[in-house]
Amino acid sequence: MRAILGLIAGVIVGIAIGPGTDQASAVGIAISMAIVFYILSYATGKRVFGNIPKKERRKVATSGIFPFIFLLLMFMIITYTVLHQNIAS
């Protein structure tokens, strides 16, 4: 679930960042979208697992964070490149 949300977030960020966007704004957009989608995945995971013991809460919060980040970055770069590849040439 987090991997799919990372993919979706990456595509959205790749679309939101245009060629005229400065670097600070692009980083802010990417980080804020990542946080929003990660919180969404956490809430969804919490709802799916229902009442879980206190020990397992940390596992729900941290499991899948690396695929989420990797797919977010990868699809952000791919989407940006596909949309704006003809601008630089």
Protein backbone atom coordinates (compact mmCIF):
# COMPACT_ATOMS: atom_id res chain seq x y z
CA MET A 1 0.00 0.00 0.00
CA ARG A 2 2.80 2.45 0.87
CA ALA A 3 4.65 1.57 -2.31
CA ILE A 4 1.57 2.38 -4.41
CA LEU A 5 1.03 5.65 -2.56
CA GLY A 6 4.70 6.50 -3.10
CA LEU A 7 4.22 5.91 -6.82
CA ILE A 8 1.11 8.11 -6.91
CA ALA A 9 2.83 10.85 -4.89
CA GLY A 10 5.84 10.75 -7.22
CA VAL A 11 3.67 11.21 -10.29
CA ILE A 12 1.78 14.10 -8.67
CA VAL A 13 5.01 15.82 -7.59
CA GLY A 14 6.53 15.29 -11.04
CA ILE A 15 3.51 17.02 -12.58
CA ALA A 16 3.45 19.82 -9.99
CA ILE A 17 7.09 20.80 -10.49
CA GLY A 18 7.52 22.74 -13.70
CA PRO A 19 10.67 23.83 -15.52
CA GLY A 20 10.43 27.38 -14.11
CA THR A 21 10.19 26.22 -10.49
CA ASP A 22 13.19 27.17 -8.40
CA GLN A 23 15.04 24.52 -6.43
CA ALA A 24 13.80 25.54 -2.98
CA SER A 25 10.17 25.46 -4.07
CA ALA A 26 10.62 22.08 -5.77
CA VAL A 27 12.11 20.57 -2.62
CA GLY A 28 9.29 22.07 -0.53
CA ILE A 29 6.64 20.66 -2.85
CA ALA A 30 8.27 17.22 -2.85
CA ILE A 31 8.65 17.07 0.92
CA SER A 32 5.16 18.37 1.68
CA MET A 33 3.53 15.93 -0.74
CA ALA A 34 5.60 13.08 0.70
CA ILE A 35 4.46 13.95 4.21
CA VAL A 36 0.81 14.22 3.17
CA PHE A 37 0.83 10.87 1.38
CA TYR A 38 2.77 9.16 4.17
CA ILE A 39 0.25 10.38 6.76
CA LEU A 40 -2.52 9.15 4.47
CA SER A 41 -0.85 5.72 4.29
CA TYR A 42 -0.40 5.66 8.05
CA ALA A 43 -4.07 6.47 8.65
CA THR A 44 -5.13 3.84 6.13
CA GLY A 45 -2.84 1.23 7.68
CA LYS A 46 -4.13 2.04 11.14
CA ARG A 47 -7.70 1.67 9.93
CA VAL A 48 -6.97 -1.64 8.19
CA PHE A 49 -5.26 -3.20 11.19
CA GLY A 50 -7.76 -1.81 13.70
CA ASN A 51 -6.87 -2.24 17.34
CA ILE A 52 -3.25 -3.29 17.41
CA PRO A 53 -1.03 -3.71 20.46
CA LYS A 54 1.22 -0.85 21.46
CA LYS A 55 4.34 -2.80 20.42
CA GLU A 56 3.07 -3.20 16.87
CA ARG A 57 2.15 0.48 16.36
CA ARG A 58 5.75 1.43 15.61
CA LYS A 59 5.94 -1.37 13.07
CA VAL A 60 2.85 -0.05 11.28
CA ALA A 61 4.33 3.44 11.26
CA THR A 62 7.73 2.46 9.88
CA SER A 63 7.13 -0.56 7.66
CA GLY A 64 7.35 0.27 3.99
CA ILE A 65 9.06 3.63 4.41
CA PHE A 66 12.00 2.79 2.13
CA PRO A 67 9.89 1.58 -0.82
CA PHE A 68 7.71 4.67 -0.34
CA ILE A 69 10.67 7.05 -0.53
CA PHE A 70 12.35 5.19 -3.38
CA LEU A 71 9.23 5.04 -5.54
CA LEU A 72 8.36 8.66 -4.77
CA LEU A 73 11.76 9.84 -5.97
CA MET A 74 11.92 7.50 -8.94
CA PHE A 75 8.49 8.35 -10.33
CA MET A 76 8.96 12.05 -9.61
CA ILE A 77 12.10 12.04 -11.75
CA ILE A 78 10.55 9.88 -14.49
CA THR A 79 7.38 11.99 -14.70
CA TYR A 80 9.31 15.26 -14.75
CA THR A 81 11.65 13.94 -17.44
CA VAL A 82 8.84 12.62 -19.64
CA LEU A 83 6.84 15.85 -19.39
CA HIS A 84 9.72 18.28 -19.90
CA GLN A 85 12.29 16.45 -22.02
CA ASN A 86 11.86 18.65 -25.11
CA ILE A 87 12.23 21.94 -23.24
CA ALA A 88 15.99 21.64 -22.63
CA SER A 89 16.84 20.76 -26.23
